[in-house]
Protein backbone atom coordinates (compact mmCIF):
# COMPACT_ATOMS: atom_id res chain seq x y z
CA UNK A 1 -56.41 43.58 -140.41
CA UNK A 2 -57.75 40.84 -138.07
CA UNK A 3 -61.09 40.95 -136.87
CA UNK A 4 -62.03 39.19 -133.66
CA UNK A 5 -65.32 37.70 -134.44
CA UNK A 6 -65.93 36.35 -130.62
CA UNK A 7 -65.76 40.01 -129.39
CA UNK A 8 -68.03 41.18 -132.10
CA UNK A 9 -70.39 38.37 -131.43
CA UNK A 10 -70.41 39.03 -127.54
CA UNK A 11 -71.03 42.76 -128.21
CA UNK A 12 -73.87 42.24 -130.65
CA UNK A 13 -75.65 39.75 -128.30
CA UNK A 14 -75.23 42.08 -125.31
CA UNK A 15 -76.74 45.07 -127.21
CA UNK A 16 -79.54 42.83 -128.24
CA UNK A 17 -79.94 41.69 -124.71
CA UNK A 18 -80.27 45.13 -123.39
CA UNK A 19 -83.01 45.97 -125.75
CA UNK A 20 -84.76 42.69 -124.98
CA UNK A 21 -84.82 43.56 -121.32
CA UNK A 22 -86.57 46.73 -121.90
CA UNK A 23 -89.03 45.06 -124.09
CA UNK A 24 -89.83 42.06 -121.86
CA UNK A 25 -90.16 44.21 -118.72
CA UNK A 26 -92.82 46.31 -120.25
CA UNK A 27 -96.32 45.94 -118.96
CA UNK A 28 -98.69 44.19 -121.25
CA UNK A 29 -96.00 42.71 -123.60
CA UNK A 30 -96.04 39.40 -121.70
CA UNK A 31 -97.92 40.03 -118.63
CA UNK A 32 -98.66 42.75 -115.99
CA UNK A 33 -95.41 42.56 -113.58
CA UNK A 34 -95.54 44.44 -110.39
CA UNK A 35 -92.65 42.87 -108.48
CA UNK A 36 -89.52 40.40 -108.77
CA UNK A 37 -89.02 37.46 -106.62
CA UNK A 38 -85.14 36.79 -106.14
CA UNK A 39 -83.69 33.37 -105.07
CA UNK A 40 -80.00 32.92 -104.75
CA UNK A 41 -77.73 30.04 -103.83
CA UNK A 42 -74.58 31.76 -102.44
CA UNK A 43 -71.17 30.31 -101.27
CA UNK A 44 -69.67 32.12 -98.43
CA UNK A 45 -65.81 32.38 -98.41
CA UNK A 46 -64.40 32.56 -94.85
CA UNK A 47 -60.92 33.81 -96.16
CA UNK A 48 -62.42 36.63 -98.04
CA UNK A 49 -65.37 37.21 -95.88
CA UNK A 50 -67.46 37.64 -98.80
CA UNK A 51 -70.40 35.71 -100.71
CA UNK A 52 -70.02 34.38 -104.08
CA UNK A 53 -72.75 33.87 -106.49
CA UNK A 54 -73.39 30.01 -107.08
CA UNK A 55 -76.75 30.63 -108.82
CA UNK A 56 -79.33 33.58 -109.00
CA UNK A 57 -82.77 33.73 -110.24
CA UNK A 58 -84.90 36.77 -110.64
CA UNK A 59 -88.57 35.92 -111.47
CA UNK A 60 -91.00 38.59 -112.52
CA UNK A 61 -94.24 38.40 -110.75
CA UNK A 62 -97.71 40.07 -110.91
CA UNK A 63 -97.83 40.13 -107.24
CA UNK A 64 -98.14 43.57 -105.82
CA UNK A 65 -94.81 44.99 -104.37
CA UNK A 66 -95.32 45.44 -100.66
CA UNK A 67 -92.23 47.49 -100.06
CA UNK A 68 -90.43 45.02 -97.97
CA UNK A 69 -86.93 43.87 -99.39
CA UNK A 70 -85.45 42.22 -96.50
CA UNK A 71 -83.86 38.72 -97.14
CA UNK A 72 -85.46 35.50 -95.95
CA UNK A 73 -82.98 32.75 -95.25
CA UNK A 74 -84.27 29.37 -96.64
CA UNK A 75 -81.48 27.51 -94.77
CA UNK A 76 -81.45 27.71 -91.02
CA UNK A 77 -77.64 28.02 -91.04
CA UNK A 78 -74.85 28.34 -93.45
CA UNK A 79 -74.13 24.61 -94.65
CA UNK A 80 -70.62 23.56 -94.45
CA UNK A 81 -68.70 22.42 -97.60
CA UNK A 82 -65.11 22.76 -96.28
CA UNK A 83 -63.00 24.59 -93.75
CA UNK A 84 -63.13 27.61 -96.15
CA UNK A 85 -66.38 27.35 -97.88
CA UNK A 86 -70.13 27.21 -96.73
CA UNK A 87 -73.34 27.80 -98.63
CA UNK A 88 -76.79 29.33 -97.97
CA UNK A 89 -79.87 30.25 -99.91
CA UNK A 90 -81.70 33.68 -99.64
CA UNK A 91 -85.01 34.81 -101.01
CA UNK A 92 -86.38 38.30 -101.22
CA UNK A 93 -88.75 40.67 -103.34
CA UNK A 94 -87.50 43.64 -105.31
CA UNK A 95 -89.59 46.34 -107.00
CA UNK A 96 -89.40 46.74 -110.83
CA UNK A 97 -87.28 49.91 -110.48
CA UNK A 98 -84.63 48.16 -108.25
CA UNK A 99 -84.51 45.41 -110.87
CA UNK A 100 -83.58 47.74 -113.52
CA UNK A 101 -80.80 48.88 -111.48
CA UNK A 102 -79.64 45.70 -110.38
CA UNK A 103 -79.57 44.44 -114.00
CA UNK A 104 -77.60 47.43 -115.03
CA UNK A 105 -75.11 46.76 -112.20
CA UNK A 106 -74.59 43.25 -113.22
CA UNK A 107 -74.02 44.11 -116.72
CA UNK A 108 -71.25 46.45 -115.43
CA UNK A 109 -69.71 43.73 -113.53
CA UNK A 110 -71.13 44.49 -109.89
CA UNK A 111 -73.67 42.47 -107.92
CA UNK A 112 -74.86 44.07 -104.57
CA UNK A 113 -77.56 42.35 -102.20
CA UNK A 114 -78.47 44.27 -99.17
CA UNK A 115 -75.64 46.71 -99.67
CA UNK A 116 -73.16 43.88 -99.61
CA UNK A 117 -71.23 43.01 -102.59
CA UNK A 118 -71.50 39.41 -103.91
CA UNK A 119 -68.64 38.33 -106.00
CA UNK A 120 -69.56 37.17 -109.69
CA UNK A 121 -67.60 35.63 -112.51
CA UNK A 122 -65.57 38.04 -114.41
CA UNK A 123 -66.54 36.00 -117.63
CA UNK A 124 -70.18 36.62 -117.67
CA UNK A 125 -71.70 36.57 -121.08
CA UNK A 126 -74.92 38.22 -121.50
CA UNK A 127 -77.34 36.21 -123.98
CA UNK A 128 -80.36 37.78 -125.61
CA UNK A 129 -83.95 36.67 -124.76
CA UNK A 130 -84.57 33.00 -124.86
CA UNK A 131 -88.11 31.43 -125.22
CA UNK A 132 -88.39 28.50 -122.83
CA UNK A 133 -91.68 26.37 -123.28
CA UNK A 134 -93.07 24.93 -120.49
CA UNK A 135 -93.26 21.01 -119.92
CA UNK A 136 -95.39 19.28 -122.67
CA UNK A 137 -96.28 15.72 -123.26
CA UNK A 138 -93.22 14.78 -125.54
CA UNK A 139 -90.40 16.40 -123.60
CA UNK A 140 -89.32 19.63 -121.76
CA UNK A 141 -86.34 21.79 -121.88
CA UNK A 142 -84.02 21.19 -119.02
CA UNK A 143 -83.87 24.85 -118.26
CA UNK A 144 -87.22 24.27 -116.72
CA UNK A 145 -85.21 22.50 -113.84
CA UNK A 146 -83.68 25.82 -112.76
CA UNK A 147 -86.57 28.41 -113.19
CA UNK A 148 -89.74 28.80 -111.36
CA UNK A 149 -92.70 26.84 -112.60
CA UNK A 150 -95.28 29.05 -114.59
CA UNK A 151 -98.51 27.24 -114.35
CA UNK A 152 -100.09 29.60 -116.74
CA UNK A 153 -97.91 29.25 -119.65
CA UNK A 154 -94.33 29.57 -121.12
CA UNK A 155 -91.35 31.72 -120.14
CA UNK A 156 -88.71 34.17 -121.61
CA UNK A 157 -85.41 34.46 -119.89
CA UNK A 158 -82.39 36.68 -119.99
CA UNK A 159 -79.24 35.20 -118.90
CA UNK A 160 -75.69 36.09 -117.61
CA UNK A 161 -73.84 32.92 -118.60
CA UNK A 162 -70.78 32.27 -116.60
CA UNK A 163 -68.16 30.90 -119.00
CA UNK A 164 -65.54 30.34 -116.36
CA UNK A 165 -67.34 28.16 -113.75
CA UNK A 166 -64.62 28.47 -111.17
CA UNK A 167 -66.43 29.11 -107.81
CA UNK A 168 -63.90 27.67 -105.51
CA UNK A 169 -60.44 29.24 -105.81
CA UNK A 170 -58.54 26.41 -103.81
CA UNK A 171 -60.31 23.35 -104.93
CA UNK A 172 -58.81 20.74 -107.38
CA UNK A 173 -62.09 19.03 -107.80
CA UNK A 174 -64.70 21.63 -108.42
CA UNK A 175 -67.39 18.87 -109.08
CA UNK A 176 -67.12 17.35 -105.69
CA UNK A 177 -68.21 20.76 -104.11
CA UNK A 178 -70.58 21.30 -106.77
CA UNK A 179 -72.17 18.08 -105.98
CA UNK A 180 -72.65 18.66 -102.28
CA UNK A 181 -74.42 22.01 -102.83
CA UNK A 182 -76.66 20.57 -105.70
CA UNK A 183 -77.49 17.46 -103.60
CA UNK A 184 -78.58 19.48 -100.56
CA UNK A 185 -80.72 21.70 -102.52
CA UNK A 186 -82.47 18.60 -104.33
CA UNK A 187 -82.93 16.60 -101.31
CA UNK A 188 -83.39 18.70 -98.41
CA UNK A 189 -84.85 21.96 -99.58
CA UNK A 190 -88.47 21.62 -101.04
CA UNK A 191 -89.27 25.45 -100.94
CA UNK A 192 -87.63 26.08 -104.27
CA UNK A 193 -87.53 24.01 -107.42
CA UNK A 194 -83.87 24.43 -108.68
CA UNK A 195 -82.12 21.30 -109.86
CA UNK A 196 -78.62 22.42 -111.00
CA UNK A 197 -77.62 18.62 -110.76
CA UNK A 198 -79.27 18.15 -114.18
CA UNK A 199 -78.18 21.48 -115.63
CA UNK A 200 -74.53 21.65 -114.50
CA UNK A 201 -73.70 24.44 -117.02
CA UNK A 202 -75.92 26.87 -115.15
CA UNK A 203 -73.87 27.12 -112.12
CA UNK A 204 -72.63 30.47 -111.54
CA UNK A 205 -75.13 32.07 -113.88
CA UNK A 206 -77.75 34.74 -113.28
CA UNK A 207 -81.15 34.40 -114.90
CA UNK A 208 -83.87 36.79 -115.31
CA UNK A 209 -87.30 35.06 -115.87
CA UNK A 210 -90.29 36.63 -117.50
CA UNK A 211 -93.39 34.39 -117.14
CA UNK A 212 -96.06 34.57 -119.99
CA UNK A 213 -99.52 35.14 -118.83
CA UNK A 214 -100.98 37.48 -121.50
CA UNK A 215 -102.96 34.71 -123.27
CA UNK A 216 -104.02 31.22 -122.11
CA UNK A 217 -104.18 28.77 -125.12
CA UNK A 218 -105.97 25.38 -125.11
CA UNK A 219 -106.53 22.76 -127.73
CA UNK A 220 -109.50 20.23 -128.03
CA UNK A 221 -109.94 17.27 -129.94
CA UNK A 222 -112.70 16.94 -132.34
CA UNK A 223 -112.52 13.06 -132.58
CA UNK A 224 -112.18 12.96 -136.38
CA UNK A 225 -108.32 12.47 -136.39
CA UNK A 226 -108.00 15.27 -139.05
CA UNK A 227 -109.00 18.51 -136.95
CA UNK A 228 -109.22 20.10 -133.67
CA UNK A 229 -110.25 23.39 -131.81
CA UNK A 230 -107.99 26.09 -130.55
CA UNK A 231 -109.05 28.49 -127.88
CA UNK A 232 -107.30 31.69 -126.90
CA UNK A 233 -108.27 33.70 -123.87
CA UNK A 234 -106.81 36.95 -122.91
CA UNK A 235 -105.48 38.02 -119.32
CA UNK A 236 -108.18 39.91 -117.44
CA UNK A 237 -106.34 42.99 -117.18
CA UNK A 238 -105.77 43.17 -120.98
CA UNK A 239 -108.37 45.41 -122.39
CA UNK A 240 -107.13 45.92 -126.10
CA UNK A 241 -106.74 42.78 -127.94
CA UNK A 242 -103.33 41.82 -129.62
CA UNK A 243 -102.76 41.21 -133.15
CA UNK A 244 -101.72 37.44 -133.05
CA UNK A 245 -100.43 35.04 -135.49
CA UNK A 246 -101.33 31.30 -134.78
CA UNK A 247 -99.31 28.71 -136.70
CA UNK A 248 -100.22 24.72 -136.27
CA UNK A 249 -98.16 21.97 -137.77
CA UNK A 250 -98.70 18.37 -137.13
CA UNK A 251 -96.00 15.73 -137.52
CA UNK A 252 -95.70 11.96 -137.82
CA UNK A 253 -92.84 9.70 -138.48
CA UNK A 254 -90.51 12.76 -138.93
CA UNK A 255 -92.65 14.32 -141.75
CA UNK A 256 -95.00 17.13 -141.59
CA UNK A 257 -98.53 15.49 -142.06
CA UNK A 258 -100.58 18.83 -141.64
CA UNK A 259 -100.33 22.64 -141.67
CA UNK A 260 -102.71 25.50 -140.62
CA UNK A 261 -102.40 29.14 -139.91
CA UNK A 262 -104.71 32.01 -139.07
CA UNK A 263 -104.72 35.44 -137.40
CA UNK A 264 -106.70 36.74 -134.76
CA UNK A 265 -107.49 40.33 -133.03
CA UNK A 266 -109.72 39.35 -130.26
CA UNK A 267 -109.59 39.04 -126.59
CA UNK A 268 -111.20 35.69 -126.68
CA UNK A 269 -111.54 33.22 -129.58
CA UNK A 270 -112.34 29.78 -130.60
CA UNK A 271 -110.90 28.37 -134.18
CA UNK A 272 -111.78 25.10 -135.73
CA UNK A 273 -108.70 23.90 -137.57
CA UNK A 274 -108.88 21.30 -140.33
CA UNK A 275 -105.21 20.34 -140.65
CA UNK A 276 -105.61 16.77 -141.95
CA UNK A 277 -103.97 14.96 -139.01
CA UNK A 278 -104.02 15.12 -135.36
CA UNK A 279 -100.66 13.59 -134.47
CA UNK A 280 -97.93 15.62 -132.41
CA UNK A 281 -99.64 18.88 -132.77
CA UNK A 282 -97.29 22.07 -132.58
CA UNK A 283 -98.96 25.21 -131.92
CA UNK A 284 -97.09 28.66 -131.81
CA UNK A 285 -98.86 31.75 -130.93
CA UNK A 286 -97.17 35.12 -131.75
CA UNK A 287 -97.72 38.76 -131.10
CA UNK A 288 -97.25 40.34 -134.60
CA UNK A 289 -96.30 43.83 -133.29
CA UNK A 290 -93.51 42.73 -130.74
CA UNK A 291 -92.62 39.48 -132.49
CA UNK A 292 -92.79 37.78 -129.11
CA UNK A 293 -94.02 34.14 -128.72
CA UNK A 294 -96.86 33.95 -126.21
CA UNK A 295 -97.39 30.34 -126.57
CA UNK A 296 -95.78 27.13 -127.74
CA UNK A 297 -96.90 23.52 -127.30
CA UNK A 298 -96.46 20.24 -128.68
CA UNK A 299 -99.39 18.09 -127.86
CA UNK A 300 -100.01 14.41 -128.13
CA UNK A 301 -103.65 13.58 -128.08
CA UNK A 302 -104.54 10.36 -126.11
CA UNK A 303 -106.62 8.06 -128.36
CA UNK A 304 -106.71 4.73 -126.60
CA UNK A 305 -105.98 3.57 -122.87
CA UNK A 306 -104.65 0.02 -122.22
CA UNK A 307 -105.02 -1.13 -118.70
CA UNK A 308 -104.36 -4.27 -116.71
CA UNK A 309 -106.56 -5.58 -113.91
CA UNK A 310 -105.62 -8.36 -111.47
CA UNK A 311 -108.68 -10.58 -110.65
CA UNK A 312 -108.37 -12.65 -107.38
CA UNK A 313 -109.27 -16.32 -107.30
CA UNK A 314 -111.67 -16.99 -104.48
CA UNK A 315 -110.40 -19.72 -102.00
CA UNK A 316 -107.49 -20.42 -104.17
CA UNK A 317 -104.39 -22.12 -103.00
CA UNK A 318 -101.58 -19.83 -102.00
CA UNK A 319 -98.08 -19.99 -103.36
CA UNK A 320 -95.86 -20.64 -100.34
CA UNK A 321 -92.11 -20.46 -99.43
CA UNK A 322 -90.65 -22.35 -96.51
CA UNK A 323 -87.54 -21.66 -94.35
CA UNK A 324 -84.91 -24.43 -93.48
CA UNK A 325 -87.13 -25.62 -90.66
CA UNK A 326 -90.14 -26.29 -92.98
CA UNK A 327 -92.06 -23.35 -91.47
CA UNK A 328 -93.95 -21.13 -93.95
CA UNK A 329 -91.94 -17.97 -94.38
CA UNK A 330 -94.01 -16.33 -97.09
CA UNK A 331 -97.22 -16.84 -98.86
CA UNK A 332 -98.55 -15.23 -102.01
CA UNK A 333 -102.29 -15.04 -103.22
CA UNK A 334 -102.70 -15.95 -106.96
CA UNK A 335 -104.47 -13.78 -109.36
CA UNK A 336 -105.53 -13.93 -113.10
CA UNK A 337 -104.21 -11.04 -115.22
CA UNK A 338 -106.90 -9.29 -117.72
CA UNK A 339 -105.93 -6.54 -120.09
CA UNK A 340 -108.76 -4.09 -121.51
CA UNK A 341 -108.61 -1.28 -124.16
CA UNK A 342 -110.54 2.08 -124.15
CA UNK A 343 -110.81 3.80 -127.44
CA UNK A 344 -108.95 2.86 -130.61
CA UNK A 345 -107.70 -0.82 -130.44
CA UNK A 346 -106.83 -1.96 -133.83
CA UNK A 347 -103.20 -2.99 -133.22
CA UNK A 348 -102.46 -3.14 -136.98
CA UNK A 349 -103.56 0.27 -137.90
CA UNK A 350 -101.05 2.29 -139.82
CA UNK A 351 -100.07 4.82 -136.94
CA UNK A 352 -99.66 1.92 -134.41
CA UNK A 353 -97.48 -0.01 -136.99
CA UNK A 354 -95.20 3.26 -137.50
CA UNK A 355 -95.27 4.03 -133.85
CA UNK A 356 -94.03 0.68 -132.69
CA UNK A 357 -91.24 0.78 -135.34
CA UNK A 358 -90.09 4.16 -134.03
CA UNK A 359 -90.10 2.95 -130.38
CA UNK A 360 -87.90 0.18 -131.45
CA UNK A 361 -85.60 2.41 -133.40
CA UNK A 362 -85.27 4.79 -130.39
CA UNK A 363 -84.35 1.83 -128.06
CA UNK A 364 -81.68 0.58 -130.45
CA UNK A 365 -80.26 4.28 -130.97
CA UNK A 366 -79.87 4.79 -127.20
CA UNK A 367 -78.43 1.21 -126.40
CA UNK A 368 -75.52 0.84 -128.72
CA UNK A 369 -72.47 1.42 -126.41
CA UNK A 370 -72.26 -2.16 -125.11
CA UNK A 371 -70.22 -5.26 -125.68
CA UNK A 372 -71.48 -8.70 -125.33
CA UNK A 373 -69.24 -11.73 -124.65
CA UNK A 374 -70.35 -15.23 -125.21
CA UNK A 375 -67.04 -16.90 -124.44
CA UNK A 376 -63.31 -16.78 -125.35
CA UNK A 377 -63.39 -13.18 -126.21
CA UNK A 378 -60.88 -11.44 -123.79
CA UNK A 379 -58.94 -9.55 -126.36
CA UNK A 380 -61.99 -7.89 -127.76
CA UNK A 381 -63.66 -7.31 -124.30
CA UNK A 382 -60.41 -5.43 -123.15
CA UNK A 383 -60.00 -3.45 -126.32
CA UNK A 384 -63.68 -2.31 -126.10
CA UNK A 385 -62.87 -0.61 -123.07
CA UNK A 386 -59.30 0.63 -123.70
CA UNK A 387 -60.38 2.47 -126.78
CA UNK A 388 -62.79 4.52 -124.59
CA UNK A 389 -59.67 6.01 -122.90
CA UNK A 390 -59.06 8.29 -125.97
CA UNK A 391 -62.65 9.19 -126.53
CA UNK A 392 -62.76 11.93 -124.13
CA UNK A 393 -60.16 14.28 -122.10
CA UNK A 394 -59.67 12.35 -119.16
CA UNK A 395 -58.78 13.63 -115.67
CA UNK A 396 -58.60 10.24 -114.25
CA UNK A 397 -59.66 6.52 -114.53
CA UNK A 398 -61.32 4.72 -111.64
CA UNK A 399 -61.69 0.97 -111.42
CA UNK A 400 -63.90 -0.69 -109.00
CA UNK A 401 -63.65 -4.46 -108.71
CA UNK A 402 -63.91 -6.77 -105.50
CA UNK A 403 -61.55 -9.34 -107.25
CA UNK A 404 -58.94 -6.60 -108.49
CA UNK A 405 -55.42 -7.74 -108.79
CA UNK A 406 -52.19 -6.38 -110.14
CA UNK A 407 -52.52 -8.44 -113.29
CA UNK A 408 -56.02 -6.91 -113.83
CA UNK A 409 -54.63 -3.55 -113.62
CA UNK A 410 -51.75 -4.31 -115.97
CA UNK A 411 -54.25 -5.81 -118.49
CA UNK A 412 -56.84 -2.99 -118.45
CA UNK A 413 -55.31 0.21 -117.34
CA UNK A 414 -51.53 0.07 -118.12
CA UNK A 415 -52.36 0.38 -122.03
CA UNK A 416 -53.23 3.83 -121.34
CA UNK A 417 -49.91 5.59 -122.03
CA UNK A 418 -50.37 9.24 -121.44
CA UNK A 419 -50.03 9.13 -117.70
CA UNK A 420 -53.53 9.62 -116.70
CA UNK A 421 -53.97 8.99 -112.89
CA UNK A 422 -55.57 5.57 -111.88
CA UNK A 423 -57.74 5.12 -108.75
CA UNK A 424 -58.53 1.54 -107.98
CA UNK A 425 -60.51 -0.11 -105.29
CA UNK A 426 -60.56 -3.81 -104.50
CA UNK A 427 -61.72 -5.97 -101.62
CA UNK A 428 -60.31 -8.66 -99.43
CA UNK A 429 -61.74 -11.25 -101.63
CA UNK A 430 -59.42 -10.36 -104.33
CA UNK A 431 -56.93 -13.15 -103.21
CA UNK A 432 -57.75 -14.40 -99.94
CA UNK A 433 -54.61 -14.64 -97.46
CA UNK A 434 -55.60 -16.82 -94.44
CA UNK A 435 -53.37 -17.03 -91.31
CA UNK A 436 -53.43 -19.89 -89.09
CA UNK A 437 -56.27 -18.68 -87.13
CA UNK A 438 -58.38 -18.41 -90.23
CA UNK A 439 -58.35 -14.69 -90.60
CA UNK A 440 -57.52 -12.26 -93.41
CA UNK A 441 -54.07 -10.91 -93.23
CA UNK A 442 -53.91 -7.49 -95.10
CA UNK A 443 -50.05 -7.12 -94.64
CA UNK A 444 -49.46 -10.48 -96.58
CA UNK A 445 -51.93 -9.65 -99.29
CA UNK A 446 -50.09 -6.36 -99.61
CA UNK A 447 -46.60 -7.91 -99.78
CA UNK A 448 -47.84 -10.35 -102.39
CA UNK A 449 -49.36 -7.66 -104.44
CA UNK A 450 -46.30 -5.37 -104.27
CA UNK A 451 -44.08 -8.25 -105.42
CA UNK A 452 -46.42 -8.49 -108.50
CA UNK A 453 -46.07 -4.86 -109.31
CA UNK A 454 -42.18 -5.07 -108.80
CA UNK A 455 -41.72 -8.24 -110.90
CA UNK A 456 -44.14 -7.72 -113.71
CA UNK A 457 -43.70 -4.07 -114.77
CA UNK A 458 -41.40 -1.14 -114.45
CA UNK A 459 -44.57 1.13 -113.79
CA UNK A 460 -43.04 3.74 -116.24
CA UNK A 461 -45.15 7.02 -115.97
CA UNK A 462 -47.68 5.42 -113.80
CA UNK A 463 -49.74 7.54 -111.29
CA UNK A 464 -51.95 5.22 -109.50
CA UNK A 465 -53.44 4.57 -105.86
CA UNK A 466 -54.51 1.03 -105.20
CA UNK A 467 -56.90 0.61 -101.94
CA UNK A 468 -58.46 -2.61 -100.74
CA UNK A 469 -61.66 -2.82 -98.54
CA UNK A 470 -61.43 -5.33 -95.57
CA UNK A 471 -62.72 -5.94 -92.12
CA UNK A 472 -64.35 -2.88 -90.68
CA UNK A 473 -62.70 -0.45 -93.13
CA UNK A 474 -65.38 0.83 -95.78
CA UNK A 475 -68.33 -1.37 -96.83
CA UNK A 476 -68.55 -4.47 -98.97
CA UNK A 477 -69.37 -4.27 -102.55
CA UNK A 478 -70.40 -6.58 -105.39
CA UNK A 479 -70.66 -4.57 -108.60
CA UNK A 480 -67.86 -3.87 -111.07
CA UNK A 481 -67.25 -0.63 -112.70
CA UNK A 482 -64.86 1.32 -114.91
CA UNK A 483 -65.28 5.08 -114.39
CA UNK A 484 -63.93 7.60 -116.81
CA UNK A 485 -63.71 11.07 -115.25
CA UNK A 486 -63.46 13.93 -117.68
CA UNK A 487 -61.25 17.00 -117.17
CA UNK A 488 -64.34 19.18 -117.35
CA UNK A 489 -65.71 19.10 -113.78
CA UNK A 490 -69.41 19.94 -115.10
CA UNK A 491 -69.16 17.13 -117.60
CA UNK A 492 -70.90 13.71 -116.97
CA UNK A 493 -68.56 10.95 -116.21
CA UNK A 494 -68.75 7.96 -118.31
CA UNK A 495 -69.29 4.80 -116.38
CA UNK A 496 -69.29 1.27 -117.66
CA UNK A 497 -70.75 -1.75 -115.75
CA UNK A 498 -68.42 -4.62 -116.65
CA UNK A 499 -70.85 -7.46 -115.75
CA UNK A 500 -67.91 -9.52 -114.54
CA UNK A 501 -64.66 -9.00 -112.68
CA UNK A 502 -61.72 -7.92 -114.87
CA UNK A 503 -60.11 -11.21 -114.57
CA UNK A 504 -63.18 -12.79 -116.36
CA UNK A 505 -63.62 -10.16 -119.13
CA UNK A 506 -64.31 -11.99 -122.27
CA UNK A 507 -63.89 -15.41 -120.80
CA UNK A 508 -67.69 -16.18 -120.34
CA UNK A 509 -71.06 -14.77 -121.17
CA UNK A 510 -71.49 -11.26 -120.01
CA UNK A 511 -72.38 -7.74 -121.08
CA UNK A 512 -70.33 -4.60 -120.89
CA UNK A 513 -72.76 -1.67 -121.00
CA UNK A 514 -72.72 2.07 -120.40
CA UNK A 515 -74.88 3.18 -117.59
CA UNK A 516 -77.30 6.15 -117.55
CA UNK A 517 -76.74 7.35 -113.99
CA UNK A 518 -72.93 7.70 -113.87
CA UNK A 519 -72.83 10.59 -111.28
CA UNK A 520 -74.49 8.24 -108.55
CA UNK A 521 -71.74 5.67 -109.27
CA UNK A 522 -68.95 8.13 -109.19
CA UNK A 523 -70.34 9.63 -105.82
CA UNK A 524 -70.48 6.15 -104.33
CA UNK A 525 -67.06 5.40 -105.43
CA UNK A 526 -65.90 8.67 -104.02
CA UNK A 527 -67.59 7.97 -100.68
CA UNK A 528 -66.00 4.44 -100.20
CA UNK A 529 -62.61 6.12 -101.48
CA UNK A 530 -62.62 8.41 -98.44
CA UNK A 531 -63.46 5.75 -96.14
CA UNK A 532 -60.41 3.47 -97.30
CA UNK A 533 -57.99 6.29 -98.00
CA UNK A 534 -55.52 5.35 -95.12
CA UNK A 535 -52.31 3.33 -94.41
CA UNK A 536 -54.44 0.23 -93.43
CA UNK A 537 -56.12 0.01 -96.85
CA UNK A 538 -53.44 1.13 -99.28
CA UNK A 539 -51.63 -1.50 -101.34
CA UNK A 540 -49.37 0.85 -103.47
CA UNK A 541 -49.25 4.40 -104.55
CA UNK A 542 -47.24 5.68 -107.53
CA UNK A 543 -46.62 9.14 -108.95
CA UNK A 544 -44.98 9.35 -112.23
CA UNK A 545 -43.68 5.75 -111.83
CA UNK A 546 -42.11 6.40 -108.37
CA UNK A 547 -43.43 4.46 -105.37
CA UNK A 548 -44.58 6.77 -102.53
């Protein structure tokens, strides 16, 4: 007899989530909720004449419910995505009783807003409660980018997770539409703080957020580097103290340097904690009766401040820069730079030495995907990039180089032998064809390049389009990039800055390095591609080796 563990796991998680919802919603467990604020980014499908959930957030609030459940549109009108799709954003307030019904409906595959059905994924995975710490001094969970800030403390969430991520039925490139929605929300809408461009995996999801306000926890340094004071203060509406367990752990250099725990049963308390160290103070406060976490923080105490100060030189001569006519174009006043310390300043203390080594290790760990060529190393430079083609499941490869030629494409892209499509953009500087009147001749360039493609390869199984920017078509560009686009629309593209044109890879000193803002580069490539994708810029197009 076969057992489907996936079905069993989903059933168990769903059962736990239903219990968790009833636990978190109860007054006095996390806070004193009286209403729920609802914010939804929705897609309107003109063909179906229905709304589709793009992202929904229900945030429990202690504001009194005023009985008004009418929707407020945060966009003045629907924002067009394509001829079929537009999107908008609504906000409204629900009563606690209505939220119970809505949660139950979603669990049963139905989602109604203002009596209109909103289409949701048929592959929603209900997850049990998740504790989300608020921002701290070391790092912050990315989930905080898509939930409402809780300035009093942390949050719990219960989430319906869309495992399908198919919002647009007739779109081959979901990511392109996703970006249009996310970029608008991030750049044009300041009334909500939902940044799905950083948390793509939450697109299509429905989140119920439970802000924790029951206790406020603060930590004060005692300045002896071995102890500190923890204060807990109850919500003004809490009349009977909770039985709390407080656990403190300090860490340094990836080891536990101190530990302390205690229990309290008071509405307000102050505890002196002699831990033995005060580096990276990790504090957890838990309700012993419900096993709910009421506070978590990872605190780094500030022990010194280093600041710089520019001191101007009175009546000093200025540095000047002149134009070609010897007139002064710019002048710059001169300063003396001075550095000062406040607090601990011993640069050779044990913790400073360890911290500097850890910083150096972090830099090296996050910068290992690069290739440095001094000279005469073309084979290794090309192989460094070609090996990347098999590292991920590729949807396409994009090559962006102003000096791009057919031979460059043969050298770098043709070793990819599984038929992944190529999109290439070059410029009129690739191989200047000058006519008698000293003007660039695109048709002659195209003829020369086509001859190269015909003479030097049979182009077997090649799917490729090669566009060239020239004249008033598109815009000029300088940097060179190799862009690896994954099949998964929600995954980050992988982008390498080449440091030089493909025809010079490995011939001179340069560095090939993976960049940390790949979506921006891909978006810029797509923008230029759409400007050039016409007969006046296309050099050649192949589909499975056949010229179009």
